[in-house]
Amino acid sequence: MPVRKVLKAQTRCPVTGGKVDKKHYVDARGYRVYLCCPGCADKVRKDPLRYFKVLRARGEKPDKLCKACNEVKGSPTCCKL
């Protein structure tokens, strides 16, 4: 049986590798991808799957969004449905 790698919370920008600033993010395909700066947003919007793979390769994961309220699941602003 294959061993599943445990992914940790995202700390680095998938575009530049820099430290994320949670004020800068893109919501794509039900996930929130944090970025280091607004300049990285267009790249992630154009090809989110590419950057999901980058995160996974680093052992990181984007935050999952709530389908009902479109906020990060489990966050204080989530409706918790």
C-alpha atoms as a PDB file:
ATOM      1  CA  MET A   1       0.000   0.000   0.000  1.00  0.00           C
ATOM      2  CA  PRO A   2       1.521   3.383  -0.990  1.00  0.00           C
ATOM      3  CA  VAL A   3       2.360   5.852   1.751  1.00  0.00           C
ATOM      4  CA  ARG A   4       0.491   9.141   1.407  1.00  0.00           C
ATOM      5  CA  LYS A   5       2.563  12.242   1.955  1.00  0.00           C
ATOM      6  CA  VAL A   6       1.084  14.558   4.602  1.00  0.00           C
ATOM      7  CA  LEU A   7       0.843  18.043   3.162  1.00  0.00           C
ATOM      8  CA  LYS A   8       1.357  21.069   5.381  1.00  0.00           C
ATOM      9  CA  ALA A   9      -0.259  24.495   5.182  1.00  0.00           C
ATOM     10  CA  GLN A  10       1.018  26.752   2.434  1.00  0.00           C
ATOM     11  CA  THR A  11       3.858  29.096   3.437  1.00  0.00           C
ATOM     12  CA  ARG A  12       5.518  29.880   0.088  1.00  0.00           C
ATOM     13  CA  CYS A  13       4.278  31.432  -3.121  1.00  0.00           C
ATOM     14  CA  PRO A  14       3.939  28.783  -5.858  1.00  0.00           C
ATOM     15  CA  VAL A  15       5.135  31.275  -8.490  1.00  0.00           C
ATOM     16  CA  THR A  16       8.276  32.784  -6.932  1.00  0.00           C
ATOM     17  CA  GLY A  17       8.907  30.626  -3.862  1.00  0.00           C
ATOM     18  CA  GLY A  18       8.781  33.731  -1.668  1.00  0.00           C
ATOM     19  CA  LYS A  19       6.990  33.962   1.679  1.00  0.00           C
ATOM     20  CA  VAL A  20       3.217  34.329   1.258  1.00  0.00           C
ATOM     21  CA  ASP A  21       1.298  37.415   2.307  1.00  0.00           C
ATOM     22  CA  LYS A  22      -2.242  36.261   3.092  1.00  0.00           C
ATOM     23  CA  LYS A  23      -3.607  39.572   1.768  1.00  0.00           C
ATOM     24  CA  HIS A  24      -2.694  38.329  -1.723  1.00  0.00           C
ATOM     25  CA  TYR A  25      -4.468  35.237  -3.027  1.00  0.00           C
ATOM     26  CA  VAL A  26      -6.363  33.682  -5.904  1.00  0.00           C
ATOM     27  CA  ASP A  27      -9.429  31.481  -5.484  1.00  0.00           C
ATOM     28  CA  ALA A  28      -9.418  28.733  -8.114  1.00  0.00           C
ATOM     29  CA  ARG A  29     -11.198  25.395  -8.477  1.00  0.00           C
ATOM     30  CA  GLY A  30     -12.431  25.402  -4.879  1.00  0.00           C
ATOM     31  CA  TYR A  31      -9.104  26.323  -3.298  1.00  0.00           C
ATOM     32  CA  ARG A  32      -7.382  29.491  -2.099  1.00  0.00           C
ATOM     33  CA  VAL A  33      -3.777  29.874  -3.240  1.00  0.00           C
ATOM     34  CA  TYR A  34      -1.786  32.460  -1.301  1.00  0.00           C
ATOM     35  CA  LEU A  35       0.812  34.578  -3.071  1.00  0.00           C
ATOM     36  CA  CYS A  36       3.758  36.772  -2.188  1.00  0.00           C
ATOM     37  CA  CYS A  37       2.488  39.764  -4.183  1.00  0.00           C
ATOM     38  CA  PRO A  38      -0.347  40.812  -6.530  1.00  0.00           C
ATOM     39  CA  GLY A  39       1.970  40.370  -9.520  1.00  0.00           C
ATOM     40  CA  CYS A  40       1.730  36.570  -9.247  1.00  0.00           C
ATOM     41  CA  ALA A  41      -2.076  36.437  -9.437  1.00  0.00           C
ATOM     42  CA  ASP A  42      -2.457  36.389 -13.227  1.00  0.00           C
ATOM     43  CA  LYS A  43      -0.108  33.436 -13.588  1.00  0.00           C
ATOM     44  CA  VAL A  44      -2.101  31.370 -11.089  1.00  0.00           C
ATOM     45  CA  ARG A  45      -5.433  32.401 -12.645  1.00  0.00           C
ATOM     46  CA  LYS A  46      -4.232  31.322 -16.096  1.00  0.00           C
ATOM     47  CA  ASP A  47      -3.011  27.876 -15.011  1.00  0.00           C
ATOM     48  CA  PRO A  48      -4.082  26.963 -11.458  1.00  0.00           C
ATOM     49  CA  LEU A  49      -3.411  23.241 -11.892  1.00  0.00           C
ATOM     50  CA  ARG A  50       0.247  23.958 -12.630  1.00  0.00           C
ATOM     51  CA  TYR A  51       0.616  25.824  -9.353  1.00  0.00           C
ATOM     52  CA  PHE A  52      -1.333  23.200  -7.381  1.00  0.00           C
ATOM     53  CA  LYS A  53       1.308  20.733  -8.594  1.00  0.00           C
ATOM     54  CA  VAL A  54       4.111  23.080  -7.527  1.00  0.00           C
ATOM     55  CA  LEU A  55       2.638  23.298  -4.039  1.00  0.00           C
ATOM     56  CA  ARG A  56       2.168  19.533  -3.809  1.00  0.00           C
ATOM     57  CA  ALA A  57       5.782  18.950  -4.905  1.00  0.00           C
ATOM     58  CA  ARG A  58       6.889  21.224  -2.032  1.00  0.00           C
ATOM     59  CA  GLY A  59       4.735  19.301   0.437  1.00  0.00           C
ATOM     60  CA  GLU A  60       2.266  22.173   0.794  1.00  0.00           C
ATOM     61  CA  LYS A  61      -1.445  22.468   0.081  1.00  0.00           C
ATOM     62  CA  PRO A  62      -3.787  25.365  -0.689  1.00  0.00           C
ATOM     63  CA  ASP A  63      -6.722  26.041   1.630  1.00  0.00           C
ATOM     64  CA  LYS A  64     -10.024  24.413   0.649  1.00  0.00           C
ATOM     65  CA  LEU A  65     -12.985  26.768   0.195  1.00  0.00           C
ATOM     66  CA  CYS A  66     -16.479  26.230   1.564  1.00  0.00           C
ATOM     67  CA  LYS A  67     -18.934  25.635  -1.291  1.00  0.00           C
ATOM     68  CA  ALA A  68     -21.702  27.538   0.505  1.00  0.00           C
ATOM     69  CA  CYS A  69     -19.944  30.791   1.449  1.00  0.00           C
ATOM     70  CA  ASN A  70     -16.705  30.687  -0.604  1.00  0.00           C
ATOM     71  CA  GLU A  71     -14.568  31.351   2.479  1.00  0.00           C
ATOM     72  CA  VAL A  72     -11.735  29.137   3.732  1.00  0.00           C
ATOM     73  CA  LYS A  73     -13.253  26.075   5.417  1.00  0.00           C
ATOM     74  CA  GLY A  74     -13.006  26.278   9.188  1.00  0.00           C
ATOM     75  CA  SER A  75     -12.047  29.951   9.221  1.00  0.00           C
ATOM     76  CA  PRO A  76     -13.908  32.425  11.466  1.00  0.00           C
ATOM     77  CA  THR A  77     -15.653  33.881   8.389  1.00  0.00           C
ATOM     78  CA  CYS A  78     -16.892  30.491   7.107  1.00  0.00           C
ATOM     79  CA  CYS A  79     -20.580  29.676   7.468  1.00  0.00           C
ATOM     80  CA  LYS A  80     -19.454  26.188   8.638  1.00  0.00           C
ATOM     81  CA  LEU A  81     -21.919  24.246   6.488  1.00  0.00           C
END
